[in-house]
Every structure is written in C-alpha cells, then in structure tokens.
Amino acid sequence: RFAAEGRALVLADMHREPLEALAGELKGAASIDLVDGDVATSDHR
C-alpha cells in the first residue's frame, strides 16, 4: 500500500530472505531499506 504511494520504506522482520522477496515485488517505492533481526533485541532497534 505505501509503496504504491511512492513512499520511502524501511522493511523490518525476522528473516532476510522473505524481506528480499517482498522488496523485489514492490513497485513505485521511492527507496527500500531492509532490516532483519529479532524485534525484541536492542541490536534490531
């Protein structure tokens, strides 16, 4: 939804591969950055 609005995105989740697959299908986003890791850790934040 936000990619269709042309927004710059930071996509975060546990694993890298699903994020890369999602980024590959998104069209229109101004930019996409991926962050993988455990949301409950300070490193991820």
ModelCIF file with pLDDT and N, C-alpha, C, O atoms, coordinates in Angstrom:
data_MODEL
#
_entry.id   MODEL 
#
_entity.id                         1 
_entity.type                       polymer 
_entity.pdbx_number_of_molecules   1 
#
_entity_poly.entity_id                      1 
_entity_poly.type                           'polypeptide(L)' 
_entity_poly.nstd_linkage                   no 
_entity_poly.nstd_monomer                   no 
_entity_poly.pdbx_seq_one_letter_code       RFAAEGRALVLADMHREPLEALAGELKGAASIDLVDGDVATSDHR 
_entity_poly.pdbx_seq_one_letter_code_can   RFAAEGRALVLADMHREPLEALAGELKGAASIDLVDGDVATSDHR 
_entity_poly.pdbx_strand_id                 A 
#
loop_
_entity_poly_seq.entity_id 
_entity_poly_seq.num 
_entity_poly_seq.mon_id 
_entity_poly_seq.hetero 
1 1  ARG n 
1 2  PHE n 
1 3  ALA n 
1 4  ALA n 
1 5  GLU n 
1 6  GLY n 
1 7  ARG n 
1 8  ALA n 
1 9  LEU n 
1 10 VAL n 
1 11 LEU n 
1 12 ALA n 
1 13 ASP n 
1 14 MET n 
1 15 HIS n 
1 16 ARG n 
1 17 GLU n 
1 18 PRO n 
1 19 LEU n 
1 20 GLU n 
1 21 ALA n 
1 22 LEU n 
1 23 ALA n 
1 24 GLY n 
1 25 GLU n 
1 26 LEU n 
1 27 LYS n 
1 28 GLY n 
1 29 ALA n 
1 30 ALA n 
1 31 SER n 
1 32 ILE n 
1 33 ASP n 
1 34 LEU n 
1 35 VAL n 
1 36 ASP n 
1 37 GLY n 
1 38 ASP n 
1 39 VAL n 
1 40 ALA n 
1 41 THR n 
1 42 SER n 
1 43 ASP n 
1 44 HIS n 
1 45 ARG n 
#
_struct_asym.id          A 
_struct_asym.entity_id   1 
#
loop_
_ma_qa_metric.id 
_ma_qa_metric.mode 
_ma_qa_metric.name 
_ma_qa_metric.software_group_id 
_ma_qa_metric.type 
1 global pLDDT . pLDDT 
2 local  pLDDT . pLDDT 
#
_ma_qa_metric_global.metric_id      1 
_ma_qa_metric_global.metric_value   95.89 
_ma_qa_metric_global.model_id       1 
_ma_qa_metric_global.ordinal_id     1 
#
loop_
_ma_qa_metric_local.label_asym_id 
_ma_qa_metric_local.label_comp_id 
_ma_qa_metric_local.label_seq_id 
_ma_qa_metric_local.metric_id 
_ma_qa_metric_local.metric_value 
_ma_qa_metric_local.model_id 
_ma_qa_metric_local.ordinal_id 
A ARG 1  2 97.00 1 1  
A PHE 2  2 97.00 1 2  
A ALA 3  2 96.00 1 3  
A ALA 4  2 95.00 1 4  
A GLU 5  2 94.00 1 5  
A GLY 6  2 95.00 1 6  
A ARG 7  2 95.00 1 7  
A ALA 8  2 96.00 1 8  
A LEU 9  2 98.00 1 9  
A VAL 10 2 98.00 1 10 
A LEU 11 2 98.00 1 11 
A ALA 12 2 98.00 1 12 
A ASP 13 2 97.00 1 13 
A MET 14 2 96.00 1 14 
A HIS 15 2 97.00 1 15 
A ARG 16 2 97.00 1 16 
A GLU 17 2 97.00 1 17 
A PRO 18 2 97.00 1 18 
A LEU 19 2 97.00 1 19 
A GLU 20 2 97.00 1 20 
A ALA 21 2 97.00 1 21 
A LEU 22 2 97.00 1 22 
A ALA 23 2 97.00 1 23 
A GLY 24 2 96.00 1 24 
A GLU 25 2 94.00 1 25 
A LEU 26 2 96.00 1 26 
A LYS 27 2 88.00 1 27 
A GLY 28 2 90.00 1 28 
A ALA 29 2 91.00 1 29 
A ALA 30 2 92.00 1 30 
A SER 31 2 95.00 1 31 
A ILE 32 2 97.00 1 32 
A ASP 33 2 97.00 1 33 
A LEU 34 2 98.00 1 34 
A VAL 35 2 98.00 1 35 
A ASP 36 2 97.00 1 36 
A GLY 37 2 96.00 1 37 
A ASP 38 2 96.00 1 38 
A VAL 39 2 94.00 1 39 
A ALA 40 2 95.00 1 40 
A THR 41 2 96.00 1 41 
A SER 42 2 96.00 1 42 
A ASP 43 2 97.00 1 43 
A HIS 44 2 97.00 1 44 
A ARG 45 2 96.00 1 45 
#
loop_
_atom_site.group_PDB 
_atom_site.id 
_atom_site.type_symbol 
_atom_site.label_atom_id 
_atom_site.label_alt_id 
_atom_site.label_comp_id 
_atom_site.label_asym_id 
_atom_site.label_entity_id 
_atom_site.label_seq_id 
_atom_site.pdbx_PDB_ins_code 
_atom_site.Cartn_x 
_atom_site.Cartn_y 
_atom_site.Cartn_z 
_atom_site.occupancy 
_atom_site.B_iso_or_equiv 
_atom_site.pdbx_formal_charge 
_atom_site.auth_seq_id 
_atom_site.auth_comp_id 
_atom_site.auth_asym_id 
_atom_site.auth_atom_id 
_atom_site.pdbx_PDB_model_num 
ATOM 1   N N  . ARG A 1 1  ? 0.826  -1.204  0.000  1.00 97.00 ? 1  ARG A N  1 
ATOM 2   C CA . ARG A 1 1  ? 0.000  0.000   0.000  1.00 97.00 ? 1  ARG A CA 1 
ATOM 3   C C  . ARG A 1 1  ? 0.869  1.267   0.000  1.00 97.00 ? 1  ARG A C  1 
ATOM 4   O O  . ARG A 1 1  ? 0.628  2.186   -0.783 1.00 97.00 ? 1  ARG A O  1 
ATOM 5   N N  . PHE A 1 2  ? 1.861  1.312   0.863  1.00 97.00 ? 2  PHE A N  1 
ATOM 6   C CA . PHE A 1 2  ? 2.704  2.503   0.950  1.00 97.00 ? 2  PHE A CA 1 
ATOM 7   C C  . PHE A 1 2  ? 3.663  2.620   -0.226 1.00 97.00 ? 2  PHE A C  1 
ATOM 8   O O  . PHE A 1 2  ? 4.005  3.728   -0.639 1.00 97.00 ? 2  PHE A O  1 
ATOM 9   N N  . ALA A 1 3  ? 4.102  1.479   -0.772 1.00 96.00 ? 3  ALA A N  1 
ATOM 10  C CA . ALA A 1 3  ? 4.936  1.529   -1.973 1.00 96.00 ? 3  ALA A CA 1 
ATOM 11  C C  . ALA A 1 3  ? 4.167  2.146   -3.130 1.00 96.00 ? 3  ALA A C  1 
ATOM 12  O O  . ALA A 1 3  ? 4.727  2.900   -3.925 1.00 96.00 ? 3  ALA A O  1 
ATOM 13  N N  . ALA A 1 4  ? 2.873  1.821   -3.221 1.00 95.00 ? 4  ALA A N  1 
ATOM 14  C CA . ALA A 1 4  ? 2.040  2.374   -4.288 1.00 95.00 ? 4  ALA A CA 1 
ATOM 15  C C  . ALA A 1 4  ? 1.882  3.882   -4.153 1.00 95.00 ? 4  ALA A C  1 
ATOM 16  O O  . ALA A 1 4  ? 1.573  4.564   -5.130 1.00 95.00 ? 4  ALA A O  1 
ATOM 17  N N  . GLU A 1 5  ? 2.094  4.406   -2.946 1.00 94.00 ? 5  GLU A N  1 
ATOM 18  C CA . GLU A 1 5  ? 2.028  5.848   -2.733 1.00 94.00 ? 5  GLU A CA 1 
ATOM 19  C C  . GLU A 1 5  ? 3.365  6.526   -3.016 1.00 94.00 ? 5  GLU A C  1 
ATOM 20  O O  . GLU A 1 5  ? 3.485  7.745   -2.896 1.00 94.00 ? 5  GLU A O  1 
ATOM 21  N N  . GLY A 1 6  ? 4.367  5.734   -3.391 1.00 95.00 ? 6  GLY A N  1 
ATOM 22  C CA . GLY A 1 6  ? 5.676  6.301   -3.694 1.00 95.00 ? 6  GLY A CA 1 
ATOM 23  C C  . GLY A 1 6  ? 6.496  6.650   -2.470 1.00 95.00 ? 6  GLY A C  1 
ATOM 24  O O  . GLY A 1 6  ? 7.394  7.489   -2.543 1.00 95.00 ? 6  GLY A O  1 
ATOM 25  N N  . ARG A 1 7  ? 6.196  6.009   -1.332 1.00 95.00 ? 7  ARG A N  1 
ATOM 26  C CA . ARG A 1 7  ? 6.898  6.330   -0.090 1.00 95.00 ? 7  ARG A CA 1 
ATOM 27  C C  . ARG A 1 7  ? 8.246  5.627   -0.015 1.00 95.00 ? 7  ARG A C  1 
ATOM 28  O O  . ARG A 1 7  ? 8.427  4.548   -0.580 1.00 95.00 ? 7  ARG A O  1 
ATOM 29  N N  . ALA A 1 8  ? 9.185  6.245   0.684  1.00 96.00 ? 8  ALA A N  1 
ATOM 30  C CA . ALA A 1 8  ? 10.442 5.595   1.043  1.00 96.00 ? 8  ALA A CA 1 
ATOM 31  C C  . ALA A 1 8  ? 10.149 4.636   2.188  1.00 96.00 ? 8  ALA A C  1 
ATOM 32  O O  . ALA A 1 8  ? 9.488  5.008   3.157  1.00 96.00 ? 8  ALA A O  1 
ATOM 33  N N  . LEU A 1 9  ? 10.642 3.395   2.081  1.00 98.00 ? 9  LEU A N  1 
ATOM 34  C CA . LEU A 1 9  ? 10.283 2.350   3.035  1.00 98.00 ? 9  LEU A CA 1 
ATOM 35  C C  . LEU A 1 9  ? 11.495 1.789   3.766  1.00 98.00 ? 9  LEU A C  1 
ATOM 36  O O  . LEU A 1 9  ? 12.574 1.645   3.191  1.00 98.00 ? 9  LEU A O  1 
ATOM 37  N N  . VAL A 1 10 ? 11.302 1.477   5.034  1.00 98.00 ? 10 VAL A N  1 
ATOM 38  C CA . VAL A 1 10 ? 12.203 0.608   5.779  1.00 98.00 ? 10 VAL A CA 1 
ATOM 39  C C  . VAL A 1 10 ? 11.377 -0.606  6.168  1.00 98.00 ? 10 VAL A C  1 
ATOM 40  O O  . VAL A 1 10 ? 10.414 -0.484  6.925  1.00 98.00 ? 10 VAL A O  1 
ATOM 41  N N  . LEU A 1 11 ? 11.739 -1.768  5.663  1.00 98.00 ? 11 LEU A N  1 
ATOM 42  C CA . LEU A 1 11 ? 11.012 -3.005  5.921  1.00 98.00 ? 11 LEU A CA 1 
ATOM 43  C C  . LEU A 1 11 ? 11.812 -3.850  6.901  1.00 98.00 ? 11 LEU A C  1 
ATOM 44  O O  . LEU A 1 11 ? 12.972 -4.173  6.647  1.00 98.00 ? 11 LEU A O  1 
ATOM 45  N N  . ALA A 1 12 ? 11.194 -4.206  8.016  1.00 98.00 ? 12 ALA A N  1 
ATOM 46  C CA . ALA A 1 12 ? 11.880 -4.957  9.063  1.00 98.00 ? 12 ALA A CA 1 
ATOM 47  C C  . ALA A 1 12 ? 11.120 -6.228  9.398  1.00 98.00 ? 12 ALA A C  1 
ATOM 48  O O  . ALA A 1 12 ? 9.892  -6.239  9.472  1.00 98.00 ? 12 ALA A O  1 
ATOM 49  N N  . ASP A 1 13 ? 11.876 -7.300  9.599  1.00 97.00 ? 13 ASP A N  1 
ATOM 50  C CA . ASP A 1 13 ? 11.284 -8.566  10.029 1.00 97.00 ? 13 ASP A CA 1 
ATOM 51  C C  . ASP A 1 13 ? 12.401 -9.494  10.479 1.00 97.00 ? 13 ASP A C  1 
ATOM 52  O O  . ASP A 1 13 ? 13.575 -9.125  10.453 1.00 97.00 ? 13 ASP A O  1 
ATOM 53  N N  . MET A 1 14 ? 12.031 -10.699 10.891 1.00 96.00 ? 14 MET A N  1 
ATOM 54  C CA . MET A 1 14 ? 12.980 -11.627 11.482 1.00 96.00 ? 14 MET A CA 1 
ATOM 55  C C  . MET A 1 14 ? 14.034 -12.111 10.490 1.00 96.00 ? 14 MET A C  1 
ATOM 56  O O  . MET A 1 14 ? 15.225 -12.135 10.800 1.00 96.00 ? 14 MET A O  1 
ATOM 57  N N  . HIS A 1 15 ? 13.584 -12.497 9.285  1.00 97.00 ? 15 HIS A N  1 
ATOM 58  C CA . HIS A 1 15 ? 14.490 -13.156 8.341  1.00 97.00 ? 15 HIS A CA 1 
ATOM 59  C C  . HIS A 1 15 ? 14.699 -12.334 7.068  1.00 97.00 ? 15 HIS A C  1 
ATOM 60  O O  . HIS A 1 15 ? 13.795 -11.631 6.616  1.00 97.00 ? 15 HIS A O  1 
ATOM 61  N N  . ARG A 1 16 ? 15.882 -12.428 6.506  1.00 97.00 ? 16 ARG A N  1 
ATOM 62  C CA . ARG A 1 16 ? 16.265 -11.602 5.358  1.00 97.00 ? 16 ARG A CA 1 
ATOM 63  C C  . ARG A 1 16 ? 15.592 -12.034 4.063  1.00 97.00 ? 16 ARG A C  1 
ATOM 64  O O  . ARG A 1 16 ? 15.131 -11.192 3.292  1.00 97.00 ? 16 ARG A O  1 
ATOM 65  N N  . GLU A 1 17 ? 15.532 -13.333 3.820  1.00 97.00 ? 17 GLU A N  1 
ATOM 66  C CA . GLU A 1 17 ? 15.052 -13.799 2.509  1.00 97.00 ? 17 GLU A CA 1 
ATOM 67  C C  . GLU A 1 17 ? 13.615 -13.357 2.208  1.00 97.00 ? 17 GLU A C  1 
ATOM 68  O O  . GLU A 1 17 ? 13.365 -12.866 1.107  1.00 97.00 ? 17 GLU A O  1 
ATOM 69  N N  . PRO A 1 18 ? 12.662 -13.508 3.134  1.00 97.00 ? 18 PRO A N  1 
ATOM 70  C CA . PRO A 1 18 ? 11.307 -13.023 2.824  1.00 97.00 ? 18 PRO A CA 1 
ATOM 71  C C  . PRO A 1 18 ? 11.268 -11.515 2.576  1.00 97.00 ? 18 PRO A C  1 
ATOM 72  O O  . PRO A 1 18 ? 10.485 -11.045 1.751  1.00 97.00 ? 18 PRO A O  1 
ATOM 73  N N  . LEU A 1 19 ? 12.099 -10.763 3.277  1.00 97.00 ? 19 LEU A N  1 
ATOM 74  C CA . LEU A 1 19 ? 12.154 -9.323  3.049  1.00 97.00 ? 19 LEU A CA 1 
ATOM 75  C C  . LEU A 1 19 ? 12.658 -9.014  1.642  1.00 97.00 ? 19 LEU A C  1 
ATOM 76  O O  . LEU A 1 19 ? 12.127 -8.139  0.959  1.00 97.00 ? 19 LEU A O  1 
ATOM 77  N N  . GLU A 1 20 ? 13.687 -9.741  1.221  1.00 97.00 ? 20 GLU A N  1 
ATOM 78  C CA . GLU A 1 20 ? 14.229 -9.516  -0.126 1.00 97.00 ? 20 GLU A CA 1 
ATOM 79  C C  . GLU A 1 20 ? 13.208 -9.878  -1.196 1.00 97.00 ? 20 GLU A C  1 
ATOM 80  O O  . GLU A 1 20 ? 13.100 -9.201  -2.219 1.00 97.00 ? 20 GLU A O  1 
ATOM 81  N N  . ALA A 1 21 ? 12.458 -10.952 -0.951 1.00 97.00 ? 21 ALA A N  1 
ATOM 82  C CA . ALA A 1 21 ? 11.417 -11.346 -1.907 1.00 97.00 ? 21 ALA A CA 1 
ATOM 83  C C  . ALA A 1 21 ? 10.339 -10.281 -1.996 1.00 97.00 ? 21 ALA A C  1 
ATOM 84  O O  . ALA A 1 21 ? 9.875  -9.958  -3.090 1.00 97.00 ? 21 ALA A O  1 
ATOM 85  N N  . LEU A 1 22 ? 9.934  -9.731  -0.856 1.00 97.00 ? 22 LEU A N  1 
ATOM 86  C CA . LEU A 1 22 ? 8.925  -8.678  -0.846 1.00 97.00 ? 22 LEU A CA 1 
ATOM 87  C C  . LEU A 1 22 ? 9.437  -7.437  -1.550 1.00 97.00 ? 22 LEU A C  1 
ATOM 88  O O  . LEU A 1 22 ? 8.731  -6.845  -2.365 1.00 97.00 ? 22 LEU A O  1 
ATOM 89  N N  . ALA A 1 23 ? 10.660 -7.042  -1.240 1.00 97.00 ? 23 ALA A N  1 
ATOM 90  C CA . ALA A 1 23 ? 11.229 -5.852  -1.884 1.00 97.00 ? 23 ALA A CA 1 
ATOM 91  C C  . ALA A 1 23 ? 11.283 -6.018  -3.390 1.00 97.00 ? 23 ALA A C  1 
ATOM 92  O O  . ALA A 1 23 ? 11.097 -5.055  -4.133 1.00 97.00 ? 23 ALA A O  1 
ATOM 93  N N  . GLY A 1 24 ? 11.539 -7.247  -3.845 1.00 96.00 ? 24 GLY A N  1 
ATOM 94  C CA . GLY A 1 24 ? 11.632 -7.498  -5.277 1.00 96.00 ? 24 GLY A CA 1 
ATOM 95  C C  . GLY A 1 24 ? 10.337 -7.314  -6.024 1.00 96.00 ? 24 GLY A C  1 
ATOM 96  O O  . GLY A 1 24 ? 10.341 -7.045  -7.226 1.00 96.00 ? 24 GLY A O  1 
ATOM 97  N N  . GLU A 1 25 ? 9.219  -7.457  -5.320 1.00 94.00 ? 25 GLU A N  1 
ATOM 98  C CA . GLU A 1 25 ? 7.916  -7.328  -5.988 1.00 94.00 ? 25 GLU A CA 1 
ATOM 99  C C  . GLU A 1 25 ? 7.310  -5.935  -5.856 1.00 94.00 ? 25 GLU A C  1 
ATOM 100 O O  . GLU A 1 25 ? 6.338  -5.613  -6.540 1.00 94.00 ? 25 GLU A O  1 
ATOM 101 N N  . LEU A 1 26 ? 7.872  -5.113  -4.985 1.00 96.00 ? 26 LEU A N  1 
ATOM 102 C CA . LEU A 1 26 ? 7.300  -3.787  -4.781 1.00 96.00 ? 26 LEU A CA 1 
ATOM 103 C C  . LEU A 1 26 ? 7.690  -2.854  -5.912 1.00 96.00 ? 26 LEU A C  1 
ATOM 104 O O  . LEU A 1 26 ? 8.850  -2.799  -6.319 1.00 96.00 ? 26 LEU A O  1 
ATOM 105 N N  . LYS A 1 27 ? 6.731  -2.141  -6.403 1.00 88.00 ? 27 LYS A N  1 
ATOM 106 C CA . LYS A 1 27 ? 6.952  -1.176  -7.480 1.00 88.00 ? 27 LYS A CA 1 
ATOM 107 C C  . LYS A 1 27 ? 6.502  0.199   -7.018 1.00 88.00 ? 27 LYS A C  1 
ATOM 108 O O  . LYS A 1 27 ? 5.455  0.334   -6.385 1.00 88.00 ? 27 LYS A O  1 
ATOM 109 N N  . GLY A 1 28 ? 7.267  1.192   -7.325 1.00 90.00 ? 28 GLY A N  1 
ATOM 110 C CA . GLY A 1 28 ? 6.858  2.565   -7.061 1.00 90.00 ? 28 GLY A CA 1 
ATOM 111 C C  . GLY A 1 28 ? 7.439  3.182   -5.815 1.00 90.00 ? 28 GLY A C  1 
ATOM 112 O O  . GLY A 1 28 ? 7.391  4.402   -5.658 1.00 90.00 ? 28 GLY A O  1 
ATOM 113 N N  . ALA A 1 29 ? 7.999  2.365   -4.904 1.00 91.00 ? 29 ALA A N  1 
ATOM 114 C CA . ALA A 1 29 ? 8.566  2.926   -3.685 1.00 91.00 ? 29 ALA A CA 1 
ATOM 115 C C  . ALA A 1 29 ? 9.739  3.836   -4.024 1.00 91.00 ? 29 ALA A C  1 
ATOM 116 O O  . ALA A 1 29 ? 10.522 3.544   -4.928 1.00 91.00 ? 29 ALA A O  1 
ATOM 117 N N  . ALA A 1 30 ? 9.853  4.940   -3.293 1.00 92.00 ? 30 ALA A N  1 
ATOM 118 C CA . ALA A 1 30 ? 10.950 5.877   -3.546 1.00 92.00 ? 30 ALA A CA 1 
ATOM 119 C C  . ALA A 1 30 ? 12.299 5.226   -3.239 1.00 92.00 ? 30 ALA A C  1 
ATOM 120 O O  . ALA A 1 30 ? 13.275 5.447   -3.956 1.00 92.00 ? 30 ALA A O  1 
ATOM 121 N N  . SER A 1 31 ? 12.351 4.438   -2.191 1.00 95.00 ? 31 SER A N  1 
ATOM 122 C CA . SER A 1 31 ? 13.544 3.675   -1.817 1.00 95.00 ? 31 SER A CA 1 
ATOM 123 C C  . SER A 1 31 ? 13.115 2.603   -0.845 1.00 95.00 ? 31 SER A C  1 
ATOM 124 O O  . SER A 1 31 ? 12.080 2.726   -0.191 1.00 95.00 ? 31 SER A O  1 
ATOM 125 N N  . ILE A 1 32 ? 13.916 1.540   -0.747 1.00 97.00 ? 32 ILE A N  1 
ATOM 126 C CA . ILE A 1 32 ? 13.593 0.446   0.174  1.00 97.00 ? 32 ILE A CA 1 
ATOM 127 C C  . ILE A 1 32 ? 14.864 0.027   0.902  1.00 97.00 ? 32 ILE A C  1 
ATOM 128 O O  . ILE A 1 32 ? 15.870 -0.307  0.276  1.00 97.00 ? 32 ILE A O  1 
ATOM 129 N N  . ASP A 1 33 ? 14.808 0.048   2.228  1.00 97.00 ? 33 ASP A N  1 
ATOM 130 C CA . ASP A 1 33 ? 15.893 -0.473  3.058  1.00 97.00 ? 33 ASP A CA 1 
ATOM 131 C C  . ASP A 1 33 ? 15.352 -1.653  3.853  1.00 97.00 ? 33 ASP A C  1 
ATOM 132 O O  . ASP A 1 33 ? 14.209 -1.628  4.310  1.00 97.00 ? 33 ASP A O  1 
ATOM 133 N N  . LEU A 1 34 ? 16.168 -2.681  4.019  1.00 98.00 ? 34 LEU A N  1 
ATOM 134 C CA . LEU A 1 34 ? 15.747 -3.897  4.712  1.00 98.00 ? 34 LEU A CA 1 
ATOM 135 C C  . LEU A 1 34 ? 16.538 -4.058  6.007  1.00 98.00 ? 34 LEU A C  1 
ATOM 136 O O  . LEU A 1 34 ? 17.749 -3.842  6.044  1.00 98.00 ? 34 LEU A O  1 
ATOM 137 N N  . VAL A 1 35 ? 15.828 -4.442  7.070  1.00 98.00 ? 35 VAL A N  1 
ATOM 138 C CA . VAL A 1 35 ? 16.468 -4.693  8.355  1.00 98.00 ? 35 VAL A CA 1 
ATOM 139 C C  . VAL A 1 35 ? 15.932 -6.011  8.895  1.00 98.00 ? 35 VAL A C  1 
ATOM 140 O O  . VAL A 1 35 ? 14.742 -6.119  9.194  1.00 98.00 ? 35 VAL A O  1 
ATOM 141 N N  . ASP A 1 36 ? 16.792 -7.011  9.023  1.00 97.00 ? 36 ASP A N  1 
ATOM 142 C CA . ASP A 1 36 ? 16.358 -8.301  9.557  1.00 97.00 ? 36 ASP A CA 1 
ATOM 143 C C  . ASP A 1 36 ? 16.897 -8.490  10.967 1.00 97.00 ? 36 ASP A C  1 
ATOM 144 O O  . ASP A 1 36 ? 17.981 -8.012  11.301 1.00 97.00 ? 36 ASP A O  1 
ATOM 145 N N  . GLY A 1 37 ? 16.128 -9.193  11.785 1.00 96.00 ? 37 GLY A N  1 
ATOM 146 C CA . GLY A 1 37 ? 16.545 -9.451  13.149 1.00 96.00 ? 37 GLY A CA 1 
ATOM 147 C C  . GLY A 1 37 ? 15.357 -9.582  14.084 1.00 96.00 ? 37 GLY A C  1 
ATOM 148 O O  . GLY A 1 37 ? 14.209 -9.402  13.678 1.00 96.00 ? 37 GLY A O  1 
ATOM 149 N N  . ASP A 1 38 ? 15.641 -9.893  15.328 1.00 96.00 ? 38 ASP A N  1 
ATOM 150 C CA . ASP A 1 38 ? 14.637 -10.106 16.357 1.00 96.00 ? 38 ASP A CA 1 
ATOM 151 C C  . ASP A 1 38 ? 14.173 -8.758  16.893 1.00 96.00 ? 38 ASP A C  1 
ATOM 152 O O  . ASP A 1 38 ? 14.969 -7.995  17.440 1.00 96.00 ? 38 ASP A O  1 
ATOM 153 N N  . VAL A 1 39 ? 12.894 -8.467  16.738 1.00 94.00 ? 39 VAL A N  1 
ATOM 154 C CA . VAL A 1 39 ? 12.348 -7.165  17.130 1.00 94.00 ? 39 VAL A CA 1 
ATOM 155 C C  . VAL A 1 39 ? 12.511 -6.894  18.622 1.00 94.00 ? 39 VAL A C  1 
ATOM 156 O O  . VAL A 1 39 ? 12.465 -5.742  19.052 1.00 94.00 ? 39 VAL A O  1 
ATOM 157 N N  . ALA A 1 40 ? 12.701 -7.945  19.409 1.00 95.00 ? 40 ALA A N  1 
ATOM 158 C CA . ALA A 1 40 ? 12.813 -7.775  20.856 1.00 95.00 ? 40 ALA A CA 1 
ATOM 159 C C  . ALA A 1 40 ? 14.230 -7.462  21.319 1.00 95.00 ? 40 ALA A C  1 
ATOM 160 O O  . ALA A 1 40 ? 14.471 -7.366  22.523 1.00 95.00 ? 40 ALA A O  1 
ATOM 161 N N  . THR A 1 41 ? 15.172 -7.300  20.395 1.00 96.00 ? 41 THR A N  1 
ATOM 162 C CA . THR A 1 41 ? 16.558 -7.039  20.769 1.00 96.00 ? 41 THR A CA 1 
ATOM 163 C C  . THR A 1 41 ? 16.941 -5.591  20.503 1.00 96.00 ? 41 THR A C  1 
ATOM 164 O O  . THR A 1 41 ? 16.407 -4.948  19.599 1.00 96.00 ? 41 THR A O  1 
ATOM 165 N N  . SER A 1 42 ? 17.874 -5.087  21.305 1.00 96.00 ? 42 SER A N  1 
ATOM 166 C CA . SER A 1 42 ? 18.341 -3.709  21.121 1.00 96.00 ? 42 SER A CA 1 
ATOM 167 C C  . SER A 1 42 ? 19.106 -3.562  19.809 1.00 96.00 ? 42 SER A C  1 
ATOM 168 O O  . SER A 1 42 ? 19.062 -2.498  19.191 1.00 96.00 ? 42 SER A O  1 
ATOM 169 N N  . ASP A 1 43 ? 19.808 -4.610  19.372 1.00 97.00 ? 43 ASP A N  1 
ATOM 170 C CA . ASP A 1 43 ? 20.535 -4.543  18.104 1.00 97.00 ? 43 ASP A CA 1 
ATOM 171 C C  . ASP A 1 43 ? 19.594 -4.278  16.939 1.00 97.00 ? 43 ASP A C  1 
ATOM 172 O O  . ASP A 1 43 ? 19.918 -3.509  16.034 1.00 97.00 ? 43 ASP A O  1 
ATOM 173 N N  . HIS A 1 44 ? 18.435 -4.911  16.962 1.00 97.00 ? 44 HIS A N  1 
ATOM 174 C CA . HIS A 1 44 ? 17.476 -4.729  15.882 1.00 97.00 ? 44 HIS A CA 1 
ATOM 175 C C  . HIS A 1 44 ? 16.917 -3.312  15.888 1.00 97.00 ? 44 HIS A C  1 
ATOM 176 O O  . HIS A 1 44 ? 16.784 -2.688  14.835 1.00 97.00 ? 44 HIS A O  1 
ATOM 177 N N  . ARG A 1 45 ? 16.594 -2.810  17.060 1.00 96.00 ? 45 ARG A N  1 
ATOM 178 C CA . ARG A 1 45 ? 16.099 -1.434  17.153 1.00 96.00 ? 45 ARG A CA 1 
ATOM 179 C C  . ARG A 1 45 ? 17.142 -0.441  16.656 1.00 96.00 ? 45 ARG A C  1 
ATOM 180 O O  . ARG A 1 45 ? 16.899 0.765   16.661 1.00 96.00 ? 45 ARG A O  1 
#
